[in-house]
């Protein structure tokens, strides 16, 4: 098995004041998706905060809400990229116009 990282993107930053009912409805979708590949789950991940930083040789800058902010990650095991992308196609973020970028981890 190979390891893959899903980096989740959204067209908009998440508001910090999401209603409890909306949050539960959203979490139910995520838990249902996770259940479809629980035997392949390495790390279910977590959402990212909105206040990210970019670190370069020139310095540190705050990442402002850009067009496609990264909002979280998930790590899975899969046979190959085809299997990983098939799993990613079920991500609830896609329902709201978001995206999942799938990266294969290169063992060293």
N, C-alpha and C. Protein backbone atom coordinates (compact mmCIF):
# COMPACT_ATOMS: atom_id res chain seq x y z
N UNK A 1 0.83 -1.18 0.00
CA UNK A 1 0.00 0.00 0.00
C UNK A 1 0.88 1.25 0.00
N UNK A 2 0.38 2.25 -0.67
CA UNK A 2 1.06 3.54 -0.70
C UNK A 2 0.27 4.51 0.16
N UNK A 3 0.93 5.58 0.58
CA UNK A 3 0.28 6.58 1.41
C UNK A 3 -0.02 7.81 0.55
N UNK A 4 -1.24 8.37 0.75
CA UNK A 4 -1.67 9.55 0.01
C UNK A 4 -2.21 10.59 0.98
N UNK A 5 -1.96 11.85 0.66
CA UNK A 5 -2.47 12.96 1.45
C UNK A 5 -3.49 13.71 0.60
N UNK A 6 -4.66 13.90 1.16
CA UNK A 6 -5.68 14.73 0.53
C UNK A 6 -5.57 16.11 1.16
N UNK A 7 -5.35 17.14 0.35
CA UNK A 7 -5.38 18.51 0.84
C UNK A 7 -6.68 19.10 0.32
N UNK A 8 -7.51 19.56 1.24
CA UNK A 8 -8.86 20.02 0.90
C UNK A 8 -8.87 21.53 0.71
N UNK A 9 -9.55 21.96 -0.34
CA UNK A 9 -9.63 23.39 -0.67
C UNK A 9 -11.08 23.82 -0.78
N UNK A 10 -11.34 25.08 -0.44
CA UNK A 10 -12.68 25.64 -0.54
C UNK A 10 -12.59 26.96 -1.28
N UNK A 11 -13.68 27.36 -1.90
CA UNK A 11 -13.70 28.65 -2.59
C UNK A 11 -13.79 29.80 -1.61
N UNK A 12 -14.22 29.53 -0.40
CA UNK A 12 -14.33 30.58 0.61
C UNK A 12 -13.84 30.07 1.95
N UNK A 13 -13.37 30.98 2.78
CA UNK A 13 -12.93 30.63 4.13
C UNK A 13 -14.17 30.31 4.96
N UNK A 14 -14.02 29.44 5.92
CA UNK A 14 -15.12 29.06 6.78
C UNK A 14 -15.40 30.14 7.82
N UNK A 15 -16.66 30.52 7.99
CA UNK A 15 -16.97 31.49 9.04
C UNK A 15 -16.80 30.85 10.42
N UNK A 16 -16.29 31.59 11.39
CA UNK A 16 -16.07 31.01 12.72
C UNK A 16 -17.36 30.78 13.50
N UNK A 17 -18.46 31.37 13.07
CA UNK A 17 -19.70 31.30 13.83
C UNK A 17 -20.77 30.42 13.17
N UNK A 18 -20.37 29.23 12.74
CA UNK A 18 -21.30 28.30 12.11
C UNK A 18 -22.27 27.78 13.17
N UNK A 19 -23.55 27.74 12.84
CA UNK A 19 -24.57 27.24 13.77
C UNK A 19 -24.34 25.76 14.09
N UNK A 20 -24.72 25.35 15.30
CA UNK A 20 -24.52 23.97 15.73
C UNK A 20 -25.24 22.98 14.83
N UNK A 21 -26.45 23.31 14.40
CA UNK A 21 -27.20 22.40 13.54
C UNK A 21 -26.48 22.19 12.19
N UNK A 22 -25.98 23.28 11.66
CA UNK A 22 -25.27 23.21 10.38
C UNK A 22 -23.97 22.42 10.54
N UNK A 23 -23.27 22.64 11.64
CA UNK A 23 -22.02 21.93 11.90
C UNK A 23 -22.27 20.43 12.03
N UNK A 24 -23.32 20.04 12.75
CA UNK A 24 -23.64 18.62 12.91
C UNK A 24 -24.00 17.99 11.57
N UNK A 25 -24.81 18.67 10.78
CA UNK A 25 -25.19 18.17 9.46
C UNK A 25 -23.94 17.96 8.60
N UNK A 26 -23.03 18.91 8.64
CA UNK A 26 -21.78 18.81 7.88
C UNK A 26 -20.91 17.66 8.39
N UNK A 27 -20.79 17.54 9.72
CA UNK A 27 -19.98 16.46 10.29
C UNK A 27 -20.55 15.09 9.97
N UNK A 28 -21.87 14.97 9.92
CA UNK A 28 -22.49 13.70 9.56
C UNK A 28 -22.08 13.28 8.14
N UNK A 29 -22.00 14.24 7.22
CA UNK A 29 -21.56 13.95 5.85
C UNK A 29 -20.11 13.45 5.84
N UNK A 30 -19.27 14.13 6.64
CA UNK A 30 -17.86 13.74 6.70
C UNK A 30 -17.70 12.34 7.30
N UNK A 31 -18.44 12.06 8.36
CA UNK A 31 -18.34 10.74 9.00
C UNK A 31 -18.83 9.64 8.07
N UNK A 32 -19.87 9.91 7.29
CA UNK A 32 -20.36 8.94 6.31
C UNK A 32 -19.31 8.68 5.24
N UNK A 33 -18.64 9.74 4.80
CA UNK A 33 -17.56 9.58 3.80
C UNK A 33 -16.41 8.77 4.39
N UNK A 34 -15.97 9.13 5.60
CA UNK A 34 -14.88 8.40 6.25
C UNK A 34 -15.22 6.91 6.38
N UNK A 35 -16.47 6.59 6.65
CA UNK A 35 -16.88 5.20 6.82
C UNK A 35 -16.70 4.40 5.53
N UNK A 36 -16.70 5.05 4.37
CA UNK A 36 -16.56 4.34 3.10
C UNK A 36 -15.13 3.85 2.87
N UNK A 37 -14.16 4.37 3.64
CA UNK A 37 -12.78 3.91 3.46
C UNK A 37 -12.04 3.78 4.79
N UNK A 38 -12.79 3.46 5.86
CA UNK A 38 -12.19 3.41 7.19
C UNK A 38 -11.03 2.43 7.30
N UNK A 39 -11.04 1.36 6.52
CA UNK A 39 -9.94 0.39 6.56
C UNK A 39 -8.67 0.94 5.92
N UNK A 40 -8.76 2.05 5.20
CA UNK A 40 -7.61 2.66 4.54
C UNK A 40 -7.14 3.95 5.24
N UNK A 41 -7.89 4.37 6.26
CA UNK A 41 -7.60 5.62 6.96
C UNK A 41 -6.30 5.53 7.75
N UNK A 42 -5.43 6.51 7.56
CA UNK A 42 -4.22 6.65 8.36
C UNK A 42 -4.44 7.75 9.39
N UNK A 43 -4.93 8.89 8.90
CA UNK A 43 -5.21 10.04 9.76
C UNK A 43 -6.39 10.79 9.15
N UNK A 44 -7.51 10.84 9.87
CA UNK A 44 -8.70 11.52 9.36
C UNK A 44 -8.47 13.01 9.16
N UNK A 45 -7.42 13.53 9.77
CA UNK A 45 -7.07 14.92 9.60
C UNK A 45 -7.90 15.85 10.46
N UNK A 46 -7.76 17.10 10.17
CA UNK A 46 -8.47 18.16 10.87
C UNK A 46 -8.60 19.35 9.93
N UNK A 47 -9.53 20.23 10.24
CA UNK A 47 -9.61 21.45 9.44
C UNK A 47 -8.45 22.38 9.81
N UNK A 48 -8.12 23.26 8.89
CA UNK A 48 -7.09 24.27 9.15
C UNK A 48 -7.76 25.55 9.65
N UNK A 49 -7.06 26.28 10.48
CA UNK A 49 -7.52 27.61 10.90
C UNK A 49 -7.37 28.56 9.71
N UNK A 50 -8.05 29.69 9.77
CA UNK A 50 -7.99 30.67 8.69
C UNK A 50 -6.74 31.53 8.71
N UNK A 51 -6.00 31.53 9.81
CA UNK A 51 -4.87 32.45 9.96
C UNK A 51 -3.52 31.75 9.69
N UNK A 52 -3.28 31.40 8.43
CA UNK A 52 -2.05 30.71 8.05
C UNK A 52 -0.91 31.70 7.77
N UNK A 53 0.30 31.20 7.76
CA UNK A 53 1.49 32.00 7.46
C UNK A 53 2.26 31.34 6.33
N UNK A 54 2.90 32.15 5.53
CA UNK A 54 3.79 31.69 4.47
C UNK A 54 5.21 32.03 4.89
N UNK A 55 6.09 31.04 4.93
CA UNK A 55 7.47 31.25 5.35
C UNK A 55 8.38 31.02 4.15
N UNK A 56 9.15 32.05 3.78
CA UNK A 56 10.12 31.96 2.69
C UNK A 56 11.45 32.52 3.18
N UNK A 57 12.47 32.45 2.35
CA UNK A 57 13.77 33.02 2.71
C UNK A 57 13.66 34.53 2.92
N UNK A 58 12.65 35.15 2.31
CA UNK A 58 12.48 36.61 2.43
C UNK A 58 11.76 37.01 3.70
N UNK A 59 11.10 36.06 4.37
CA UNK A 59 10.40 36.41 5.59
C UNK A 59 9.12 35.64 5.79
N UNK A 60 8.29 36.14 6.68
CA UNK A 60 7.03 35.49 7.04
C UNK A 60 5.89 36.46 6.73
N UNK A 61 4.87 35.94 6.04
CA UNK A 61 3.72 36.76 5.68
C UNK A 61 2.43 36.02 6.06
N UNK A 62 1.41 36.77 6.41
CA UNK A 62 0.10 36.19 6.66
C UNK A 62 -0.53 35.84 5.32
N UNK A 63 -1.12 34.65 5.24
CA UNK A 63 -1.83 34.26 4.03
C UNK A 63 -3.25 34.78 4.17
N UNK A 64 -3.61 35.70 3.31
CA UNK A 64 -4.95 36.24 3.34
C UNK A 64 -5.88 35.27 2.63
N UNK A 65 -7.17 35.37 2.88
CA UNK A 65 -8.14 34.49 2.23
C UNK A 65 -8.00 34.59 0.72
N UNK A 66 -7.34 33.63 0.12
CA UNK A 66 -7.17 33.67 -1.32
C UNK A 66 -8.32 32.96 -2.02
N UNK A 67 -8.20 32.80 -3.33
CA UNK A 67 -9.27 32.21 -4.10
C UNK A 67 -9.56 30.76 -3.72
N UNK A 68 -8.54 30.00 -3.38
CA UNK A 68 -8.69 28.59 -3.03
C UNK A 68 -7.91 28.27 -1.76
N UNK A 69 -8.38 28.72 -0.60
CA UNK A 69 -7.64 28.43 0.62
C UNK A 69 -7.68 26.94 0.98
N UNK A 70 -6.54 26.43 1.45
CA UNK A 70 -6.50 25.05 1.98
C UNK A 70 -7.28 25.07 3.29
N UNK A 71 -8.19 24.11 3.46
CA UNK A 71 -9.03 24.11 4.66
C UNK A 71 -8.83 22.87 5.54
N UNK A 72 -8.03 21.89 5.09
CA UNK A 72 -7.81 20.72 5.91
C UNK A 72 -7.09 19.62 5.15
N UNK A 73 -6.95 18.47 5.81
CA UNK A 73 -6.24 17.34 5.20
C UNK A 73 -6.80 16.02 5.70
N UNK A 74 -6.51 14.96 4.97
CA UNK A 74 -6.79 13.59 5.36
C UNK A 74 -5.66 12.74 4.77
N UNK A 75 -5.23 11.71 5.48
CA UNK A 75 -4.18 10.81 4.99
C UNK A 75 -4.75 9.40 4.92
N UNK A 76 -4.53 8.74 3.77
CA UNK A 76 -5.04 7.38 3.58
C UNK A 76 -3.95 6.47 3.02
N UNK A 77 -4.20 5.18 3.08
CA UNK A 77 -3.44 4.18 2.35
C UNK A 77 -4.29 3.75 1.16
N UNK A 78 -3.65 3.57 0.02
CA UNK A 78 -4.36 3.10 -1.17
C UNK A 78 -3.38 2.35 -2.06
N UNK A 79 -3.91 1.51 -2.92
CA UNK A 79 -3.09 0.71 -3.83
C UNK A 79 -2.31 1.61 -4.79
N UNK A 80 -3.00 2.63 -5.33
CA UNK A 80 -2.37 3.51 -6.32
C UNK A 80 -3.15 4.82 -6.40
N UNK A 81 -2.70 5.72 -7.26
CA UNK A 81 -3.33 7.02 -7.41
C UNK A 81 -4.79 6.88 -7.87
N UNK A 82 -5.06 5.91 -8.72
CA UNK A 82 -6.44 5.72 -9.18
C UNK A 82 -7.38 5.42 -8.01
N UNK A 83 -6.96 4.53 -7.13
CA UNK A 83 -7.80 4.21 -5.98
C UNK A 83 -7.94 5.43 -5.06
N UNK A 84 -6.85 6.15 -4.85
CA UNK A 84 -6.90 7.33 -3.98
C UNK A 84 -7.83 8.40 -4.54
N UNK A 85 -7.77 8.65 -5.85
CA UNK A 85 -8.65 9.68 -6.43
C UNK A 85 -10.10 9.22 -6.44
N UNK A 86 -10.33 7.93 -6.56
CA UNK A 86 -11.70 7.41 -6.48
C UNK A 86 -12.28 7.69 -5.09
N UNK A 87 -11.48 7.48 -4.06
CA UNK A 87 -11.92 7.77 -2.69
C UNK A 87 -12.16 9.27 -2.53
N UNK A 88 -11.25 10.09 -3.06
CA UNK A 88 -11.37 11.54 -2.94
C UNK A 88 -12.63 12.08 -3.59
N UNK A 89 -13.12 11.40 -4.62
CA UNK A 89 -14.33 11.86 -5.33
C UNK A 89 -15.56 11.89 -4.42
N UNK A 90 -15.53 11.19 -3.30
CA UNK A 90 -16.65 11.18 -2.37
C UNK A 90 -16.59 12.27 -1.30
N UNK A 91 -15.55 13.09 -1.32
CA UNK A 91 -15.36 14.10 -0.28
C UNK A 91 -16.52 15.10 -0.25
N UNK A 92 -17.10 15.34 0.92
CA UNK A 92 -18.22 16.28 1.03
C UNK A 92 -17.88 17.70 0.58
N UNK A 93 -16.63 18.09 0.62
CA UNK A 93 -16.26 19.44 0.22
C UNK A 93 -16.58 19.70 -1.26
N UNK A 94 -16.61 18.65 -2.06
CA UNK A 94 -16.91 18.80 -3.48
C UNK A 94 -18.33 19.29 -3.72
N UNK A 95 -19.24 18.97 -2.78
CA UNK A 95 -20.64 19.39 -2.91
C UNK A 95 -20.80 20.91 -2.89
N UNK A 96 -19.87 21.60 -2.25
CA UNK A 96 -19.98 23.06 -2.15
C UNK A 96 -18.99 23.76 -3.07
N UNK A 97 -18.53 23.05 -4.11
CA UNK A 97 -17.65 23.67 -5.09
C UNK A 97 -16.18 23.63 -4.74
N UNK A 98 -15.83 22.91 -3.66
CA UNK A 98 -14.44 22.80 -3.25
C UNK A 98 -13.67 21.79 -4.09
N UNK A 99 -12.45 21.51 -3.67
CA UNK A 99 -11.58 20.59 -4.41
C UNK A 99 -10.73 19.78 -3.43
N UNK A 100 -10.27 18.64 -3.91
CA UNK A 100 -9.33 17.81 -3.16
C UNK A 100 -8.12 17.58 -4.05
N UNK A 101 -6.96 17.96 -3.56
CA UNK A 101 -5.72 17.65 -4.27
C UNK A 101 -5.13 16.42 -3.61
N UNK A 102 -4.77 15.44 -4.43
CA UNK A 102 -4.28 14.16 -3.93
C UNK A 102 -2.78 14.08 -4.21
N UNK A 103 -2.00 13.91 -3.16
CA UNK A 103 -0.55 13.80 -3.27
C UNK A 103 -0.11 12.43 -2.78
N UNK A 104 0.72 11.75 -3.56
CA UNK A 104 1.31 10.49 -3.10
C UNK A 104 2.54 10.82 -2.28
N UNK A 105 2.65 10.21 -1.10
CA UNK A 105 3.80 10.38 -0.24
C UNK A 105 4.95 9.55 -0.80
N UNK A 106 6.11 10.17 -0.93
CA UNK A 106 7.30 9.45 -1.43
C UNK A 106 8.12 8.98 -0.25
N UNK A 107 8.13 7.66 0.01
CA UNK A 107 8.94 7.18 1.14
C UNK A 107 10.43 7.40 0.89
N UNK A 108 11.12 7.71 1.95
CA UNK A 108 12.57 7.96 1.82
C UNK A 108 13.32 6.83 2.50
